[in-house]
């Protein structure tokens, strides 16, 4: 029996899977970026960031696309394609939520370093999905970087009662370092999004 693949049946999407992460969805095209921002040989603490994108009703979204940009473990951004190829650190990952049985995104990378004295280690995140005509920007900070988080000017610009929506929590009792970060598009736990 032939398995049918997605078709362009919606106003916005499902072009994300086909055009941006085709290998993840088993299309016969090469993905420019994958869910890994760093090869295993890259220096630094290797981590995974795992989460779901939830709609207003608290249901996981199966066709969201997450893009992550970041600095390396020393707080330095990649300066060229050649540098990324040579070092194995791309500083960018792209992953859809539609192929994981739990509709999660999983990004493999190294924990970033602070990029300035007034900046905590963080990941810059873009969220795209069907029906979103404009993508949304957010950040991921880490719960085990409390001191640095207190100095981060961007995080401190967010009202105190909403900052928790930007903090990834380290999962205890795992062999590798995993941070949990869920993105809520609406509702009481709505993630803070930035107007860029």
C-alpha atoms as a PDB file:
ATOM      1  CA  UNK A   1       0.000   0.000   0.000  1.00  0.00           C
ATOM      2  CA  UNK A   2       1.307   3.459  -0.886  1.00  0.00           C
ATOM      3  CA  UNK A   3       1.614   5.958   1.964  1.00  0.00           C
ATOM      4  CA  UNK A   4       0.468   9.381   0.866  1.00  0.00           C
ATOM      5  CA  UNK A   5       2.568  12.364   1.882  1.00  0.00           C
ATOM      6  CA  UNK A   6       1.430  15.849   2.844  1.00  0.00           C
ATOM      7  CA  UNK A   7       0.003  18.137   0.181  1.00  0.00           C
ATOM      8  CA  UNK A   8      -0.202  21.944   0.039  1.00  0.00           C
ATOM      9  CA  UNK A   9      -3.795  22.035   1.230  1.00  0.00           C
ATOM     10  CA  UNK A  10      -3.722  24.895   3.717  1.00  0.00           C
ATOM     11  CA  UNK A  11      -3.292  28.614   3.304  1.00  0.00           C
ATOM     12  CA  UNK A  12      -0.095  28.582   5.352  1.00  0.00           C
ATOM     13  CA  UNK A  13       1.556  25.182   5.265  1.00  0.00           C
ATOM     14  CA  UNK A  14       2.248  22.332   5.339  1.00  0.00           C
ATOM     15  CA  UNK A  15       5.137  23.803   3.370  1.00  0.00           C
ATOM     16  CA  UNK A  16       7.318  23.951   6.494  1.00  0.00           C
ATOM     17  CA  UNK A  17       7.948  20.210   6.562  1.00  0.00           C
ATOM     18  CA  UNK A  18       8.441  19.868   2.830  1.00  0.00           C
ATOM     19  CA  UNK A  19      10.612  22.945   2.351  1.00  0.00           C
ATOM     20  CA  UNK A  20      12.440  23.387   5.642  1.00  0.00           C
ATOM     21  CA  UNK A  21      12.934  19.944   7.218  1.00  0.00           C
ATOM     22  CA  UNK A  22      12.331  17.468   4.388  1.00  0.00           C
ATOM     23  CA  UNK A  23      14.686  14.757   5.682  1.00  0.00           C
ATOM     24  CA  UNK A  24      12.920  14.673   9.057  1.00  0.00           C
ATOM     25  CA  UNK A  25       9.625  14.005   7.262  1.00  0.00           C
ATOM     26  CA  UNK A  26      11.137  11.466   4.807  1.00  0.00           C
ATOM     27  CA  UNK A  27      10.875  13.621   1.703  1.00  0.00           C
ATOM     28  CA  UNK A  28      13.459  13.049  -1.022  1.00  0.00           C
ATOM     29  CA  UNK A  29      15.176  16.398  -0.469  1.00  0.00           C
ATOM     30  CA  UNK A  30      18.184  17.359   1.634  1.00  0.00           C
ATOM     31  CA  UNK A  31      17.600  19.525   4.705  1.00  0.00           C
ATOM     32  CA  UNK A  32      19.812  22.599   4.979  1.00  0.00           C
ATOM     33  CA  UNK A  33      19.620  22.393   8.784  1.00  0.00           C
ATOM     34  CA  UNK A  34      18.779  19.618  11.215  1.00  0.00           C
ATOM     35  CA  UNK A  35      17.766  19.374  14.864  1.00  0.00           C
ATOM     36  CA  UNK A  36      21.436  19.390  15.856  1.00  0.00           C
ATOM     37  CA  UNK A  37      23.286  22.696  16.253  1.00  0.00           C
ATOM     38  CA  UNK A  38      26.603  21.065  17.174  1.00  0.00           C
ATOM     39  CA  UNK A  39      28.483  17.877  16.359  1.00  0.00           C
ATOM     40  CA  UNK A  40      29.444  15.575  19.251  1.00  0.00           C
ATOM     41  CA  UNK A  41      33.114  16.632  19.018  1.00  0.00           C
ATOM     42  CA  UNK A  42      32.340  20.312  19.697  1.00  0.00           C
ATOM     43  CA  UNK A  43      33.726  21.491  23.066  1.00  0.00           C
ATOM     44  CA  UNK A  44      31.224  22.329  25.793  1.00  0.00           C
ATOM     45  CA  UNK A  45      28.443  20.692  27.763  1.00  0.00           C
ATOM     46  CA  UNK A  46      26.268  18.765  25.328  1.00  0.00           C
ATOM     47  CA  UNK A  47      22.576  19.184  26.065  1.00  0.00           C
ATOM     48  CA  UNK A  48      19.180  18.406  24.607  1.00  0.00           C
ATOM     49  CA  UNK A  49      16.262  20.832  24.788  1.00  0.00           C
ATOM     50  CA  UNK A  50      12.964  18.972  24.673  1.00  0.00           C
ATOM     51  CA  UNK A  51       9.462  20.399  24.614  1.00  0.00           C
ATOM     52  CA  UNK A  52       6.069  20.733  23.039  1.00  0.00           C
ATOM     53  CA  UNK A  53       4.294  23.635  21.400  1.00  0.00           C
ATOM     54  CA  UNK A  54       0.807  23.935  22.911  1.00  0.00           C
ATOM     55  CA  UNK A  55      -2.267  25.659  21.487  1.00  0.00           C
ATOM     56  CA  UNK A  56      -4.785  27.743  23.475  1.00  0.00           C
ATOM     57  CA  UNK A  57      -6.563  24.588  24.665  1.00  0.00           C
ATOM     58  CA  UNK A  58      -3.342  23.040  25.962  1.00  0.00           C
ATOM     59  CA  UNK A  59      -3.093  20.481  23.165  1.00  0.00           C
ATOM     60  CA  UNK A  60       0.296  19.705  21.574  1.00  0.00           C
ATOM     61  CA  UNK A  61       0.649  21.032  18.040  1.00  0.00           C
ATOM     62  CA  UNK A  62       1.831  18.467  15.518  1.00  0.00           C
ATOM     63  CA  UNK A  63       2.952  20.777  12.737  1.00  0.00           C
ATOM     64  CA  UNK A  64       4.965  23.478  14.478  1.00  0.00           C
ATOM     65  CA  UNK A  65       8.482  24.294  13.374  1.00  0.00           C
ATOM     66  CA  UNK A  66      11.161  25.511  15.774  1.00  0.00           C
ATOM     67  CA  UNK A  67      14.354  27.310  14.792  1.00  0.00           C
ATOM     68  CA  UNK A  68      17.104  27.867  17.348  1.00  0.00           C
ATOM     69  CA  UNK A  69      20.103  30.197  17.036  1.00  0.00           C
ATOM     70  CA  UNK A  70      22.816  30.429  19.654  1.00  0.00           C
ATOM     71  CA  UNK A  71      26.376  31.199  20.648  1.00  0.00           C
ATOM     72  CA  UNK A  72      28.883  28.438  21.383  1.00  0.00           C
ATOM     73  CA  UNK A  73      30.057  27.393  24.859  1.00  0.00           C
ATOM     74  CA  UNK A  74      32.385  30.436  24.925  1.00  0.00           C
ATOM     75  CA  UNK A  75      29.606  32.910  24.085  1.00  0.00           C
ATOM     76  CA  UNK A  76      30.755  33.387  20.495  1.00  0.00           C
ATOM     77  CA  UNK A  77      28.515  33.254  17.429  1.00  0.00           C
ATOM     78  CA  UNK A  78      29.595  31.478  14.235  1.00  0.00           C
ATOM     79  CA  UNK A  79      31.057  34.006  11.808  1.00  0.00           C
ATOM     80  CA  UNK A  80      30.974  32.091   8.516  1.00  0.00           C
ATOM     81  CA  UNK A  81      29.856  28.932   6.758  1.00  0.00           C
ATOM     82  CA  UNK A  82      33.491  27.852   6.562  1.00  0.00           C
ATOM     83  CA  UNK A  83      33.915  28.237  10.321  1.00  0.00           C
ATOM     84  CA  UNK A  84      30.774  26.167  10.943  1.00  0.00           C
ATOM     85  CA  UNK A  85      32.038  23.401   8.657  1.00  0.00           C
ATOM     86  CA  UNK A  86      35.491  23.335  10.232  1.00  0.00           C
ATOM     87  CA  UNK A  87      34.380  23.513  13.862  1.00  0.00           C
ATOM     88  CA  UNK A  88      31.256  21.333  13.676  1.00  0.00           C
ATOM     89  CA  UNK A  89      29.338  24.042  15.527  1.00  0.00           C
ATOM     90  CA  UNK A  90      26.586  25.483  13.339  1.00  0.00           C
ATOM     91  CA  UNK A  91      24.865  27.568  15.996  1.00  0.00           C
ATOM     92  CA  UNK A  92      21.515  26.940  14.295  1.00  0.00           C
ATOM     93  CA  UNK A  93      19.016  24.089  14.418  1.00  0.00           C
ATOM     94  CA  UNK A  94      15.624  23.520  12.824  1.00  0.00           C
ATOM     95  CA  UNK A  95      13.083  20.859  13.847  1.00  0.00           C
ATOM     96  CA  UNK A  96       9.418  20.102  13.307  1.00  0.00           C
ATOM     97  CA  UNK A  97       7.072  18.573  15.874  1.00  0.00           C
ATOM     98  CA  UNK A  98       5.247  16.218  13.515  1.00  0.00           C
ATOM     99  CA  UNK A  99       7.430  13.106  13.510  1.00  0.00           C
ATOM    100  CA  UNK A 100       7.874  12.575  17.244  1.00  0.00           C
ATOM    101  CA  UNK A 101       5.235  10.238  18.770  1.00  0.00           C
ATOM    102  CA  UNK A 102       4.663  12.804  21.559  1.00  0.00           C
ATOM    103  CA  UNK A 103       4.703  15.752  19.096  1.00  0.00           C
ATOM    104  CA  UNK A 104       7.839  17.163  20.733  1.00  0.00           C
ATOM    105  CA  UNK A 105      10.740  19.120  19.359  1.00  0.00           C
ATOM    106  CA  UNK A 106      14.186  17.906  20.412  1.00  0.00           C
ATOM    107  CA  UNK A 107      17.246  20.062  19.789  1.00  0.00           C
ATOM    108  CA  UNK A 108      20.738  18.657  20.362  1.00  0.00           C
ATOM    109  CA  UNK A 109      23.426  21.244  20.987  1.00  0.00           C
ATOM    110  CA  UNK A 110      25.977  22.556  23.471  1.00  0.00           C
ATOM    111  CA  UNK A 111      24.974  24.818  26.311  1.00  0.00           C
ATOM    112  CA  UNK A 112      25.764  28.359  25.177  1.00  0.00           C
ATOM    113  CA  UNK A 113      28.013  30.727  27.051  1.00  0.00           C
ATOM    114  CA  UNK A 114      27.058  34.287  27.928  1.00  0.00           C
ATOM    115  CA  UNK A 115      27.614  36.653  24.996  1.00  0.00           C
ATOM    116  CA  UNK A 116      28.222  39.731  27.190  1.00  0.00           C
ATOM    117  CA  UNK A 117      28.514  40.723  30.858  1.00  0.00           C
ATOM    118  CA  UNK A 118      24.820  41.645  30.954  1.00  0.00           C
ATOM    119  CA  UNK A 119      23.662  38.477  29.179  1.00  0.00           C
ATOM    120  CA  UNK A 120      22.868  35.006  30.514  1.00  0.00           C
ATOM    121  CA  UNK A 121      23.335  31.835  28.464  1.00  0.00           C
ATOM    122  CA  UNK A 122      20.310  31.556  26.211  1.00  0.00           C
ATOM    123  CA  UNK A 123      18.917  30.233  22.949  1.00  0.00           C
ATOM    124  CA  UNK A 124      17.060  32.486  20.519  1.00  0.00           C
ATOM    125  CA  UNK A 125      13.938  30.741  19.213  1.00  0.00           C
ATOM    126  CA  UNK A 126      11.575  31.270  16.294  1.00  0.00           C
ATOM    127  CA  UNK A 127       8.208  29.486  16.214  1.00  0.00           C
ATOM    128  CA  UNK A 128       6.345  28.888  12.943  1.00  0.00           C
ATOM    129  CA  UNK A 129       3.204  26.863  12.258  1.00  0.00           C
ATOM    130  CA  UNK A 130       0.114  26.618  10.116  1.00  0.00           C
ATOM    131  CA  UNK A 131      -2.144  29.602  10.449  1.00  0.00           C
ATOM    132  CA  UNK A 132       0.616  31.866  11.792  1.00  0.00           C
ATOM    133  CA  UNK A 133       1.171  34.509   9.160  1.00  0.00           C
ATOM    134  CA  UNK A 134       4.063  35.988  11.149  1.00  0.00           C
ATOM    135  CA  UNK A 135       6.509  33.874  13.116  1.00  0.00           C
ATOM    136  CA  UNK A 136       7.041  34.468  16.835  1.00  0.00           C
ATOM    137  CA  UNK A 137      10.320  35.127  18.651  1.00  0.00           C
ATOM    138  CA  UNK A 138      11.186  33.972  22.145  1.00  0.00           C
ATOM    139  CA  UNK A 139      14.211  32.943  24.199  1.00  0.00           C
ATOM    140  CA  UNK A 140      15.192  29.973  26.304  1.00  0.00           C
ATOM    141  CA  UNK A 141      17.152  30.574  29.498  1.00  0.00           C
ATOM    142  CA  UNK A 142      18.318  27.843  31.906  1.00  0.00           C
ATOM    143  CA  UNK A 143      17.142  27.303  35.479  1.00  0.00           C
ATOM    144  CA  UNK A 144      20.644  26.386  36.684  1.00  0.00           C
ATOM    145  CA  UNK A 145      21.976  29.800  35.602  1.00  0.00           C
ATOM    146  CA  UNK A 146      20.073  31.818  38.231  1.00  0.00           C
ATOM    147  CA  UNK A 147      22.888  34.285  38.948  1.00  0.00           C
ATOM    148  CA  UNK A 148      23.465  35.057  35.268  1.00  0.00           C
ATOM    149  CA  UNK A 149      19.698  35.267  34.674  1.00  0.00           C
ATOM    150  CA  UNK A 150      19.489  38.009  37.315  1.00  0.00           C
ATOM    151  CA  UNK A 151      21.932  40.126  35.262  1.00  0.00           C
ATOM    152  CA  UNK A 152      20.414  39.500  31.830  1.00  0.00           C
ATOM    153  CA  UNK A 153      18.939  42.773  30.571  1.00  0.00           C
ATOM    154  CA  UNK A 154      16.457  41.113  28.197  1.00  0.00           C
ATOM    155  CA  UNK A 155      15.142  38.687  30.804  1.00  0.00           C
ATOM    156  CA  UNK A 156      14.927  41.442  33.410  1.00  0.00           C
ATOM    157  CA  UNK A 157      12.860  43.560  31.013  1.00  0.00           C
ATOM    158  CA  UNK A 158      10.099  40.920  31.223  1.00  0.00           C
ATOM    159  CA  UNK A 159       7.611  41.343  34.108  1.00  0.00           C
ATOM    160  CA  UNK A 160       8.742  39.188  37.037  1.00  0.00           C
ATOM    161  CA  UNK A 161       5.541  37.121  37.059  1.00  0.00           C
ATOM    162  CA  UNK A 162       6.099  36.095  33.406  1.00  0.00           C
ATOM    163  CA  UNK A 163       9.840  35.310  33.425  1.00  0.00           C
ATOM    164  CA  UNK A 164       9.258  31.652  34.311  1.00  0.00           C
ATOM    165  CA  UNK A 165       7.817  31.144  30.807  1.00  0.00           C
ATOM    166  CA  UNK A 166      11.329  31.687  29.413  1.00  0.00           C
ATOM    167  CA  UNK A 167      13.177  29.308  31.747  1.00  0.00           C
ATOM    168  CA  UNK A 168      14.031  25.740  30.703  1.00  0.00           C
ATOM    169  CA  UNK A 169      14.136  23.295  33.598  1.00  0.00           C
ATOM    170  CA  UNK A 170      16.891  20.732  33.867  1.00  0.00           C
ATOM    171  CA  UNK A 171      15.444  17.235  34.168  1.00  0.00           C
ATOM    172  CA  UNK A 172      16.893  15.349  37.128  1.00  0.00           C
ATOM    173  CA  UNK A 173      17.985  11.746  37.045  1.00  0.00           C
ATOM    174  CA  UNK A 174      18.933  11.533  33.381  1.00  0.00           C
ATOM    175  CA  UNK A 175      22.228  10.170  32.064  1.00  0.00           C
ATOM    176  CA  UNK A 176      22.629  13.103  29.671  1.00  0.00           C
ATOM    177  CA  UNK A 177      21.764  16.749  30.260  1.00  0.00           C
ATOM    178  CA  UNK A 178      18.179  17.428  29.206  1.00  0.00           C
ATOM    179  CA  UNK A 179      16.264  20.669  29.625  1.00  0.00           C
ATOM    180  CA  UNK A 180      12.477  20.802  29.337  1.00  0.00           C
ATOM    181  CA  UNK A 181      10.987  23.866  27.669  1.00  0.00           C
ATOM    182  CA  UNK A 182       7.377  24.025  26.532  1.00  0.00           C
ATOM    183  CA  UNK A 183       6.036  26.807  24.333  1.00  0.00           C
ATOM    184  CA  UNK A 184       2.466  27.915  25.055  1.00  0.00           C
ATOM    185  CA  UNK A 185       0.973  30.043  22.289  1.00  0.00           C
ATOM    186  CA  UNK A 186      -1.984  31.197  24.417  1.00  0.00           C
ATOM    187  CA  UNK A 187      -3.551  30.633  27.806  1.00  0.00           C
ATOM    188  CA  UNK A 188      -2.477  31.124  31.422  1.00  0.00           C
ATOM    189  CA  UNK A 189       1.086  29.888  30.807  1.00  0.00           C
ATOM    190  CA  UNK A 190       1.535  31.787  27.548  1.00  0.00           C
ATOM    191  CA  UNK A 191       5.200  32.030  26.662  1.00  0.00           C
ATOM    192  CA  UNK A 192       6.635  35.538  26.451  1.00  0.00           C
ATOM    193  CA  UNK A 193       7.198  36.489  22.817  1.00  0.00           C
ATOM    194  CA  UNK A 194       9.286  39.453  21.738  1.00  0.00           C
ATOM    195  CA  UNK A 195       8.273  42.103  19.227  1.00  0.00           C
ATOM    196  CA  UNK A 196      11.311  42.285  16.937  1.00  0.00           C
END
